[in-house]
C-alpha atoms as a PDB file:
ATOM      1  CA  MET A   1      25.482  82.728 -17.543  1.00  0.00           C
ATOM      2  CA  GLY A   2      22.485  80.913 -18.937  1.00  0.00           C
ATOM      3  CA  ALA A   3      20.361  78.052 -17.635  1.00  0.00           C
ATOM      4  CA  THR A   4      22.266  75.232 -15.933  1.00  0.00           C
ATOM      5  CA  PHE A   5      21.259  71.963 -14.732  1.00  0.00           C
ATOM      6  CA  GLN A   6      22.608  69.104 -12.067  1.00  0.00           C
ATOM      7  CA  VAL A   7      21.581  65.655 -12.003  1.00  0.00           C
ATOM      8  CA  LEU A   8      20.923  65.502  -8.065  1.00  0.00           C
ATOM      9  CA  THR A   9      20.670  61.790  -8.018  1.00  0.00           C
ATOM     10  CA  GLY A  10      23.703  60.924  -9.927  1.00  0.00           C
ATOM     11  CA  LYS A  11      23.802  58.909 -13.234  1.00  0.00           C
ATOM     12  CA  ALA A  12      23.262  55.269 -11.715  1.00  0.00           C
ATOM     13  CA  ALA A  13      20.355  53.237 -12.673  1.00  0.00           C
ATOM     14  CA  ALA A  14      17.377  53.837 -10.251  1.00  0.00           C
ATOM     15  CA  GLY A  15      13.598  54.142 -10.031  1.00  0.00           C
ATOM     16  CA  LEU A  16      13.417  57.732 -10.245  1.00  0.00           C
ATOM     17  CA  ALA A  17      16.030  60.660 -11.119  1.00  0.00           C
ATOM     18  CA  VAL A  18      15.883  64.373 -10.298  1.00  0.00           C
ATOM     19  CA  ILE A  19      17.376  66.986 -12.416  1.00  0.00           C
ATOM     20  CA  ARG A  20      17.582  70.613 -10.945  1.00  0.00           C
ATOM     21  CA  VAL A  21      17.336  73.343 -13.641  1.00  0.00           C
ATOM     22  CA  MET A  22      18.312  77.104 -12.661  1.00  0.00           C
ATOM     23  CA  GLY A  23      19.224  80.312 -14.092  1.00  0.00           C
ATOM     24  CA  PRO A  24      17.870  83.385 -16.004  1.00  0.00           C
ATOM     25  CA  ASP A  25      17.024  81.199 -18.989  1.00  0.00           C
ATOM     26  CA  SER A  26      15.309  78.279 -17.270  1.00  0.00           C
ATOM     27  CA  LEU A  27      11.919  79.650 -17.843  1.00  0.00           C
ATOM     28  CA  ALA A  28      12.565  79.745 -22.016  1.00  0.00           C
ATOM     29  CA  LEU A  29      14.211  76.318 -21.470  1.00  0.00           C
ATOM     30  CA  LEU A  30      10.910  74.816 -20.131  1.00  0.00           C
ATOM     31  CA  ALA A  31       8.581  77.196 -22.317  1.00  0.00           C
ATOM     32  CA  ALA A  32       7.866  74.348 -24.695  1.00  0.00           C
ATOM     33  CA  THR A  33       5.907  72.594 -21.812  1.00  0.00           C
ATOM     34  CA  ASP A  34       3.015  73.156 -19.738  1.00  0.00           C
ATOM     35  CA  ALA A  35       5.492  73.582 -16.875  1.00  0.00           C
ATOM     36  CA  ALA A  36       6.251  76.984 -17.624  1.00  0.00           C
ATOM     37  CA  SER A  37       2.853  78.161 -16.458  1.00  0.00           C
ATOM     38  CA  ALA A  38       3.713  76.706 -12.840  1.00  0.00           C
ATOM     39  CA  LYS A  39       3.499  79.173  -9.940  1.00  0.00           C
ATOM     40  CA  VAL A  40       6.351  78.856  -7.337  1.00  0.00           C
ATOM     41  CA  GLY A  41       5.618  76.027  -5.003  1.00  0.00           C
ATOM     42  CA  THR A  42       3.660  74.037  -7.525  1.00  0.00           C
ATOM     43  CA  HIS A  43       4.401  71.486 -10.047  1.00  0.00           C
ATOM     44  CA  ARG A  44       3.139  70.039 -13.361  1.00  0.00           C
ATOM     45  CA  HIS A  45       2.917  66.683 -15.052  1.00  0.00           C
ATOM     46  CA  VAL A  46       4.290  66.916 -18.471  1.00  0.00           C
ATOM     47  CA  THR A  47       5.653  64.895 -21.243  1.00  0.00           C
ATOM     48  CA  LEU A  48       9.063  66.016 -22.552  1.00  0.00           C
ATOM     49  CA  ARG A  49       9.434  65.953 -26.215  1.00  0.00           C
ATOM     50  CA  ASP A  50      12.330  65.998 -28.576  1.00  0.00           C
ATOM     51  CA  LYS A  51      11.230  66.975 -32.253  1.00  0.00           C
ATOM     52  CA  GLY A  52       7.773  66.034 -31.368  1.00  0.00           C
ATOM     53  CA  GLN A  53       8.726  62.386 -30.111  1.00  0.00           C
ATOM     54  CA  PRO A  54       8.092  61.729 -26.381  1.00  0.00           C
ATOM     55  CA  VAL A  55      11.256  61.350 -24.225  1.00  0.00           C
ATOM     56  CA  ASP A  56       9.498  60.730 -20.814  1.00  0.00           C
ATOM     57  CA  ASP A  57       6.488  61.540 -18.872  1.00  0.00           C
ATOM     58  CA  VAL A  58       7.999  63.702 -15.804  1.00  0.00           C
ATOM     59  CA  VAL A  59       6.919  65.773 -12.903  1.00  0.00           C
ATOM     60  CA  VAL A  60       8.247  69.247 -13.064  1.00  0.00           C
ATOM     61  CA  ALA A  61       8.119  71.490  -9.854  1.00  0.00           C
ATOM     62  CA  ARG A  62       8.876  75.112  -9.730  1.00  0.00           C
ATOM     63  CA  LEU A  63      11.268  75.647  -6.475  1.00  0.00           C
ATOM     64  CA  ALA A  64      11.732  79.430  -7.202  1.00  0.00           C
ATOM     65  CA  GLU A  65      11.307  81.939  -9.984  1.00  0.00           C
ATOM     66  CA  GLU A  66      14.562  80.413 -11.773  1.00  0.00           C
ATOM     67  CA  THR A  67      14.836  77.133 -10.054  1.00  0.00           C
ATOM     68  CA  TRP A  68      13.042  73.986 -11.189  1.00  0.00           C
ATOM     69  CA  GLU A  69      13.245  70.280 -10.568  1.00  0.00           C
ATOM     70  CA  ILE A  70      12.457  67.482 -13.256  1.00  0.00           C
ATOM     71  CA  CYS A  71      11.670  64.177 -11.777  1.00  0.00           C
ATOM     72  CA  CYS A  72      11.770  61.608 -14.585  1.00  0.00           C
ATOM     73  CA  HIS A  73      12.224  57.835 -14.509  1.00  0.00           C
ATOM     74  CA  GLY A  74      15.669  56.699 -13.460  1.00  0.00           C
ATOM     75  CA  GLY A  75      16.596  54.286 -16.283  1.00  0.00           C
ATOM     76  CA  LEU A  76      20.098  55.166 -17.711  1.00  0.00           C
ATOM     77  CA  ALA A  77      18.900  55.898 -21.196  1.00  0.00           C
ATOM     78  CA  VAL A  78      15.844  57.963 -20.118  1.00  0.00           C
ATOM     79  CA  VAL A  79      18.385  60.239 -17.885  1.00  0.00           C
ATOM     80  CA  GLU A  80      20.663  60.458 -20.754  1.00  0.00           C
ATOM     81  CA  GLN A  81      18.056  61.546 -23.137  1.00  0.00           C
ATOM     82  CA  VAL A  82      16.849  64.127 -20.915  1.00  0.00           C
ATOM     83  CA  VAL A  83      20.318  65.387 -20.293  1.00  0.00           C
ATOM     84  CA  ARG A  84      20.912  65.518 -23.870  1.00  0.00           C
ATOM     85  CA  LEU A  85      17.574  67.463 -24.555  1.00  0.00           C
ATOM     86  CA  LEU A  86      18.673  69.930 -21.937  1.00  0.00           C
ATOM     87  CA  THR A  87      21.979  70.456 -23.246  1.00  0.00           C
ATOM     88  CA  GLU A  88      20.830  70.825 -26.817  1.00  0.00           C
ATOM     89  CA  ARG A  89      18.351  73.625 -25.669  1.00  0.00           C
ATOM     90  CA  GLY A  90      21.255  75.501 -24.326  1.00  0.00           C
ATOM     91  CA  ALA A  91      21.772  74.361 -20.750  1.00  0.00           C
ATOM     92  CA  THR A  92      25.069  73.791 -19.275  1.00  0.00           C
ATOM     93  CA  GLU A  93      25.725  70.835 -16.643  1.00  0.00           C
ATOM     94  CA  VAL A  94      27.211  71.797 -13.549  1.00  0.00           C
ATOM     95  CA  SER A  95      29.411  69.403 -11.532  1.00  0.00           C
ATOM     96  CA  ALA A  96      27.721  69.301  -7.806  1.00  0.00           C
ATOM     97  CA  ALA A  97      26.013  65.943  -8.264  1.00  0.00           C
ATOM     98  CA  GLU A  98      28.231  63.607  -6.984  1.00  0.00           C
ATOM     99  CA  PRO A  99      28.193  64.571  -3.413  1.00  0.00           C
ATOM    100  CA  VAL A 100      24.472  64.676  -3.588  1.00  0.00           C
ATOM    101  CA  HIS A 101      24.518  61.119  -4.957  1.00  0.00           C
ATOM    102  CA  ARG A 102      26.519  60.015  -2.149  1.00  0.00           C
ATOM    103  CA  LEU A 103      24.635  61.702   0.604  1.00  0.00           C
ATOM    104  CA  LEU A 104      21.285  60.900  -0.502  1.00  0.00           C
ATOM    105  CA  PRO A 105      20.977  57.205   0.512  1.00  0.00           C
ATOM    106  CA  LEU A 106      22.130  58.064   3.956  1.00  0.00           C
ATOM    107  CA  ALA A 107      18.881  60.427   4.353  1.00  0.00           C
ATOM    108  CA  ARG A 108      16.490  58.773   6.073  1.00  0.00           C
ATOM    109  CA  THR A 109      13.772  61.417   6.816  1.00  0.00           C
ATOM    110  CA  GLU A 110      11.969  63.855   4.530  1.00  0.00           C
ATOM    111  CA  LEU A 111      14.006  66.644   6.078  1.00  0.00           C
ATOM    112  CA  ALA A 112      17.510  65.149   5.565  1.00  0.00           C
ATOM    113  CA  VAL A 113      16.308  64.483   1.970  1.00  0.00           C
ATOM    114  CA  ARG A 114      15.256  68.271   1.468  1.00  0.00           C
ATOM    115  CA  ARG A 115      18.524  69.379   3.141  1.00  0.00           C
ATOM    116  CA  VAL A 116      20.766  67.085   1.293  1.00  0.00           C
ATOM    117  CA  LEU A 117      18.984  68.227  -2.118  1.00  0.00           C
ATOM    118  CA  ALA A 118      19.453  71.782  -1.040  1.00  0.00           C
ATOM    119  CA  GLY A 119      23.278  71.341  -0.216  1.00  0.00           C
ATOM    120  CA  ASN A 120      22.944  72.097   3.378  1.00  0.00           C
ATOM    121  CA  ALA A 121      22.747  68.713   5.258  1.00  0.00           C
ATOM    122  CA  ARG A 122      24.224  68.843   8.561  1.00  0.00           C
ATOM    123  CA  VAL A 123      26.251  65.596   9.752  1.00  0.00           C
ATOM    124  CA  TRP A 124      23.803  64.710  12.556  1.00  0.00           C
ATOM    125  CA  LEU A 125      20.873  64.509   9.924  1.00  0.00           C
ATOM    126  CA  LEU A 126      23.058  61.774   8.204  1.00  0.00           C
ATOM    127  CA  ASP A 127      24.680  60.263  11.172  1.00  0.00           C
ATOM    128  CA  PRO A 128      22.238  59.561  13.970  1.00  0.00           C
ATOM    129  CA  PRO A 129      23.709  61.213  17.293  1.00  0.00           C
ATOM    130  CA  VAL A 130      23.576  59.089  20.625  1.00  0.00           C
ATOM    131  CA  VAL A 131      21.127  60.362  23.173  1.00  0.00           C
ATOM    132  CA  VAL A 132      21.442  58.434  26.504  1.00  0.00           C
ATOM    133  CA  MET A 133      18.995  58.436  29.258  1.00  0.00           C
ATOM    134  CA  VAL A 134      20.197  58.711  32.736  1.00  0.00           C
ATOM    135  CA  GLY A 135      18.855  58.831  36.313  1.00  0.00           C
ATOM    136  CA  LEU A 136      17.935  56.822  39.481  1.00  0.00           C
ATOM    137  CA  PRO A 137      16.437  53.358  39.148  1.00  0.00           C
ATOM    138  CA  ASN A 138      12.446  53.446  38.557  1.00  0.00           C
ATOM    139  CA  ALA A 139      12.454  56.966  37.377  1.00  0.00           C
ATOM    140  CA  GLY A 140      10.470  56.147  34.090  1.00  0.00           C
ATOM    141  CA  LYS A 141      13.418  55.643  31.583  1.00  0.00           C
ATOM    142  CA  SER A 142      12.101  52.494  29.991  1.00  0.00           C
ATOM    143  CA  SER A 143       8.491  53.795  29.686  1.00  0.00           C
ATOM    144  CA  LEU A 144       9.905  56.845  28.252  1.00  0.00           C
ATOM    145  CA  LEU A 145      11.988  54.859  25.669  1.00  0.00           C
ATOM    146  CA  ASN A 146       8.871  52.832  24.755  1.00  0.00           C
ATOM    147  CA  ALA A 147       6.668  56.045  24.258  1.00  0.00           C
ATOM    148  CA  LEU A 148       9.219  57.796  22.029  1.00  0.00           C
ATOM    149  CA  ALA A 149       9.640  54.762  20.088  1.00  0.00           C
ATOM    150  CA  GLY A 150       5.923  54.918  19.063  1.00  0.00           C
ATOM    151  CA  GLY A 151       4.531  52.672  21.781  1.00  0.00           C
ATOM    152  CA  GLU A 152       6.652  49.672  20.741  1.00  0.00           C
ATOM    153  CA  ARG A 153       7.893  47.447  23.690  1.00  0.00           C
ATOM    154  CA  ARG A 154      11.608  47.704  23.572  1.00  0.00           C
ATOM    155  CA  ALA A 155      12.325  47.934  27.363  1.00  0.00           C
ATOM    156  CA  ILE A 156      10.725  45.988  30.156  1.00  0.00           C
ATOM    157  CA  VAL A 157       8.845  48.102  32.472  1.00  0.00           C
ATOM    158  CA  SER A 158       8.341  47.201  35.960  1.00  0.00           C
ATOM    159  CA  ALA A 159       7.501  48.767  39.287  1.00  0.00           C
ATOM    160  CA  GLU A 160      10.553  47.081  40.890  1.00  0.00           C
ATOM    161  CA  ALA A 161      13.591  49.256  40.903  1.00  0.00           C
ATOM    162  CA  GLY A 162      16.690  48.196  38.912  1.00  0.00           C
ATOM    163  CA  THR A 163      15.195  45.942  36.608  1.00  0.00           C
ATOM    164  CA  THR A 164      16.960  47.425  33.627  1.00  0.00           C
ATOM    165  CA  ARG A 165      20.250  45.495  33.424  1.00  0.00           C
ATOM    166  CA  ASP A 166      21.473  46.033  30.108  1.00  0.00           C
ATOM    167  CA  ALA A 167      21.472  49.086  27.854  1.00  0.00           C
ATOM    168  CA  VAL A 168      18.282  49.086  25.526  1.00  0.00           C
ATOM    169  CA  GLU A 169      18.407  51.085  22.319  1.00  0.00           C
ATOM    170  CA  ALA A 170      15.738  52.337  19.747  1.00  0.00           C
ATOM    171  CA  GLU A 171      16.017  54.705  16.933  1.00  0.00           C
ATOM    172  CA  VAL A 172      13.484  57.718  17.219  1.00  0.00           C
ATOM    173  CA  ASP A 173      12.368  60.340  14.879  1.00  0.00           C
ATOM    174  CA  CYS A 174      12.746  63.582  16.674  1.00  0.00           C
ATOM    175  CA  CYS A 175      11.025  66.257  14.039  1.00  0.00           C
ATOM    176  CA  GLY A 176      13.150  64.860  11.098  1.00  0.00           C
ATOM    177  CA  LEU A 177      16.184  63.812  13.049  1.00  0.00           C
ATOM    178  CA  ILE A 178      16.843  60.336  13.736  1.00  0.00           C
ATOM    179  CA  VAL A 179      18.590  59.718  17.139  1.00  0.00           C
ATOM    180  CA  ARG A 180      19.884  56.581  18.624  1.00  0.00           C
ATOM    181  CA  LEU A 181      18.110  56.749  22.004  1.00  0.00           C
ATOM    182  CA  ILE A 182      19.606  54.470  24.840  1.00  0.00           C
ATOM    183  CA  ASP A 183      17.996  53.467  28.169  1.00  0.00           C
ATOM    184  CA  ALA A 184      20.765  52.972  30.511  1.00  0.00           C
ATOM    185  CA  PRO A 185      20.469  51.081  33.669  1.00  0.00           C
ATOM    186  CA  GLY A 186      19.653  53.391  36.794  1.00  0.00           C
ATOM    187  CA  LEU A 187      22.521  54.763  38.898  1.00  0.00           C
ATOM    188  CA  ARG A 188      22.628  54.049  42.411  1.00  0.00           C
ATOM    189  CA  GLU A 189      24.907  52.381  45.127  1.00  0.00           C
ATOM    190  CA  SER A 190      24.072  48.678  45.171  1.00  0.00           C
ATOM    191  CA  ALA A 191      25.826  45.611  46.509  1.00  0.00           C
ATOM    192  CA  ASP A 192      24.363  43.224  43.761  1.00  0.00           C
ATOM    193  CA  ALA A 193      26.949  42.116  41.560  1.00  0.00           C
ATOM    194  CA  ILE A 194      24.922  41.984  38.422  1.00  0.00           C
ATOM    195  CA  GLU A 195      23.557  45.561  39.150  1.00  0.00           C
ATOM    196  CA  GLN A 196      26.893  46.852  39.595  1.00  0.00           C
ATOM    197  CA  ALA A 197      28.077  45.508  36.130  1.00  0.00           C
ATOM    198  CA  ALA A 198      25.150  46.996  34.666  1.00  0.00           C
ATOM    199  CA  ILE A 199      25.898  50.450  36.146  1.00  0.00           C
ATOM    200  CA  GLY A 200      29.590  49.962  34.808  1.00  0.00           C
ATOM    201  CA  LEU A 201      27.810  49.421  31.126  1.00  0.00           C
ATOM    202  CA  ALA A 202      25.727  52.478  31.864  1.00  0.00           C
ATOM    203  CA  MET A 203      28.736  54.656  32.439  1.00  0.00           C
ATOM    204  CA  GLY A 204      30.182  53.343  29.314  1.00  0.00           C
ATOM    205  CA  ARG A 205      27.361  54.357  27.391  1.00  0.00           C
ATOM    206  CA  ILE A 206      27.122  57.748  28.987  1.00  0.00           C
ATOM    207  CA  GLN A 207      30.648  58.471  27.835  1.00  0.00           C
ATOM    208  CA  GLN A 208      29.833  57.735  24.293  1.00  0.00           C
ATOM    209  CA  ALA A 209      26.753  59.968  24.373  1.00  0.00           C
ATOM    210  CA  ASN A 210      26.330  63.172  22.274  1.00  0.00           C
ATOM    211  CA  LEU A 211      23.455  64.225  24.638  1.00  0.00           C
ATOM    212  CA  LEU A 212      22.154  63.099  28.018  1.00  0.00           C
ATOM    213  CA  LEU A 213      18.707  63.027  29.051  1.00  0.00           C
ATOM    214  CA  HIS A 214      18.291  63.478  32.865  1.00  0.00           C
ATOM    215  CA  VAL A 215      15.094  61.399  33.625  1.00  0.00           C
ATOM    216  CA  ARG A 216      13.662  61.888  37.110  1.00  0.00           C
ATOM    217  CA  ASP A 217      10.170  60.971  38.633  1.00  0.00           C
ATOM    218  CA  GLY A 218       8.172  63.983  38.380  1.00  0.00           C
ATOM    219  CA  THR A 219       5.951  63.039  41.368  1.00  0.00           C
ATOM    220  CA  ALA A 220       8.965  62.609  43.911  1.00  0.00           C
ATOM    221  CA  ALA A 221      10.886  65.387  45.802  1.00  0.00           C
ATOM    222  CA  THR A 222      14.279  63.913  44.961  1.00  0.00           C
ATOM    223  CA  GLY A 223      16.670  66.132  43.094  1.00  0.00           C
ATOM    224  CA  PRO A 224      19.506  65.462  40.746  1.00  0.00           C
ATOM    225  CA  ALA A 225      22.097  64.954  43.319  1.00  0.00           C
ATOM    226  CA  ALA A 226      22.688  61.065  42.815  1.00  0.00           C
ATOM    227  CA  VAL A 227      23.634  61.692  39.064  1.00  0.00           C
ATOM    228  CA  ALA A 228      25.252  65.241  39.543  1.00  0.00           C
ATOM    229  CA  ARG A 229      28.677  63.919  38.887  1.00  0.00           C
ATOM    230  CA  VAL A 230      27.572  62.235  35.708  1.00  0.00           C
ATOM    231  CA  LEU A 231      25.928  65.426  34.413  1.00  0.00           C
ATOM    232  CA  GLU A 232      28.642  67.817  35.313  1.00  0.00           C
ATOM    233  CA  GLY A 233      29.927  69.524  32.367  1.00  0.00           C
ATOM    234  CA  ARG A 234      27.708  67.377  29.780  1.00  0.00           C
ATOM    235  CA  ALA A 235      25.115  68.679  27.506  1.00  0.00           C
ATOM    236  CA  HIS A 236      21.944  67.402  29.033  1.00  0.00           C
ATOM    237  CA  ILE A 237      18.014  68.008  28.909  1.00  0.00           C
ATOM    238  CA  ASN A 238      16.173  67.630  32.289  1.00  0.00           C
ATOM    239  CA  VAL A 239      13.096  65.539  32.027  1.00  0.00           C
ATOM    240  CA  SER A 240      10.422  64.937  34.644  1.00  0.00           C
ATOM    241  CA  THR A 241       8.278  61.755  34.198  1.00  0.00           C
ATOM    242  CA  ARG A 242       4.720  60.922  35.043  1.00  0.00           C
ATOM    243  CA  ALA A 243       3.239  64.160  34.401  1.00  0.00           C
ATOM    244  CA  ASP A 244      -0.073  62.567  34.494  1.00  0.00           C
ATOM    245  CA  LEU A 245       0.310  61.905  38.356  1.00  0.00           C
ATOM    246  CA  GLY A 246       1.830  65.084  39.378  1.00  0.00           C
ATOM    247  CA  LYS A 247       4.671  68.026  38.471  1.00  0.00           C
ATOM    248  CA  ALA A 248       6.726  68.274  41.171  1.00  0.00           C
ATOM    249  CA  GLY A 249      10.401  69.804  40.404  1.00  0.00           C
ATOM    250  CA  GLN A 250      11.746  71.308  37.406  1.00  0.00           C
ATOM    251  CA  GLY A 251      12.495  70.488  33.876  1.00  0.00           C
ATOM    252  CA  LEU A 252      10.426  69.302  30.922  1.00  0.00           C
ATOM    253  CA  HIS A 253       7.338  67.473  32.243  1.00  0.00           C
ATOM    254  CA  VAL A 254       6.203  64.316  30.359  1.00  0.00           C
ATOM    255  CA  SER A 255       3.891  61.471  30.540  1.00  0.00           C
ATOM    256  CA  SER A 256       4.739  58.044  28.852  1.00  0.00           C
ATOM    257  CA  VAL A 257       0.855  57.206  29.386  1.00  0.00           C
ATOM    258  CA  THR A 258      -0.877  60.363  28.057  1.00  0.00           C
ATOM    259  CA  GLY A 259       2.023  61.595  25.606  1.00  0.00           C
ATOM    260  CA  GLU A 260       1.842  64.942  27.342  1.00  0.00           C
ATOM    261  CA  GLY A 261       5.212  66.787  26.610  1.00  0.00           C
ATOM    262  CA  LEU A 262       6.667  63.936  24.245  1.00  0.00           C
ATOM    263  CA  ASP A 263       6.419  66.371  21.116  1.00  0.00           C
ATOM    264  CA  GLY A 264       8.266  69.031  23.206  1.00  0.00           C
ATOM    265  CA  LEU A 265      10.781  66.831  24.353  1.00  0.00           C
ATOM    266  CA  ARG A 266      11.561  65.596  20.590  1.00  0.00           C
ATOM    267  CA  ALA A 267      11.678  69.318  19.591  1.00  0.00           C
ATOM    268  CA  GLY A 268      14.201  69.973  22.391  1.00  0.00           C
ATOM    269  CA  ILE A 269      16.444  67.036  21.223  1.00  0.00           C
ATOM    270  CA  PHE A 270      16.004  68.513  17.537  1.00  0.00           C
ATOM    271  CA  ARG A 271      16.986  71.876  18.529  1.00  0.00           C
ATOM    272  CA  HIS A 272      20.130  70.797  20.514  1.00  0.00           C
ATOM    273  CA  PHE A 273      21.848  69.189  17.256  1.00  0.00           C
ATOM    274  CA  ILE A 274      20.145  71.507  14.661  1.00  0.00           C
ATOM    275  CA  PRO A 275      19.650  74.775  16.416  1.00  0.00           C
ATOM    276  CA  ASP A 276      18.771  76.535  13.076  1.00  0.00           C
END
């Protein structure tokens, strides 16, 4: 089989369009342009011509020895002209573009876009998983949420225990994976009716979680006994906060003040959902 091509971005009007060219004859197909001299991993800015007349100014990237991508303007007429030009030069269009066309708008990070275009996007990259932080009151969950959200103040932080009465949510980029991170109210026995309702809300969010972060005060000697029932049988990562003040106990030590350990936590969340 000779050269083939796919319109990865579909054939709807857009700002840009991406067309992948593959196969043993792909080099000969692009030999009429300066793109043929490009090494693997590089690109060329060239003008596609048909019988000497310019069709479009494009960027041609060489992904592998026999795999190329043409990035052209996304107007319908331009895409049709490029498709016609490739077809007249002997390339055959293959029909794997529609799934990519549907999935690409869901990709919100560079990694997700690369995976979609490569045809191996995992569901989690396109449908953000729910990660819920659980632990005792005043364990540093709210500060950790704010730190992972890029310093943006999403949750109220106070030295007084039990101030989180509602579940606070932020979308966090964990190494190219977007997750819905939820700061749930602290778990403890309480006679306060409002706090009891908040804990009930937290339990509901915990049941919906795809992953739990067990957050504890890394300067205290208290262990996970208070939340052991919640963690039992559930996927979770142990996180010890306030690493800038001390590092008691086990688990991943992080500091919402200095940023210590935050990249490691993001990587750990990423590896849980995308182990490869």
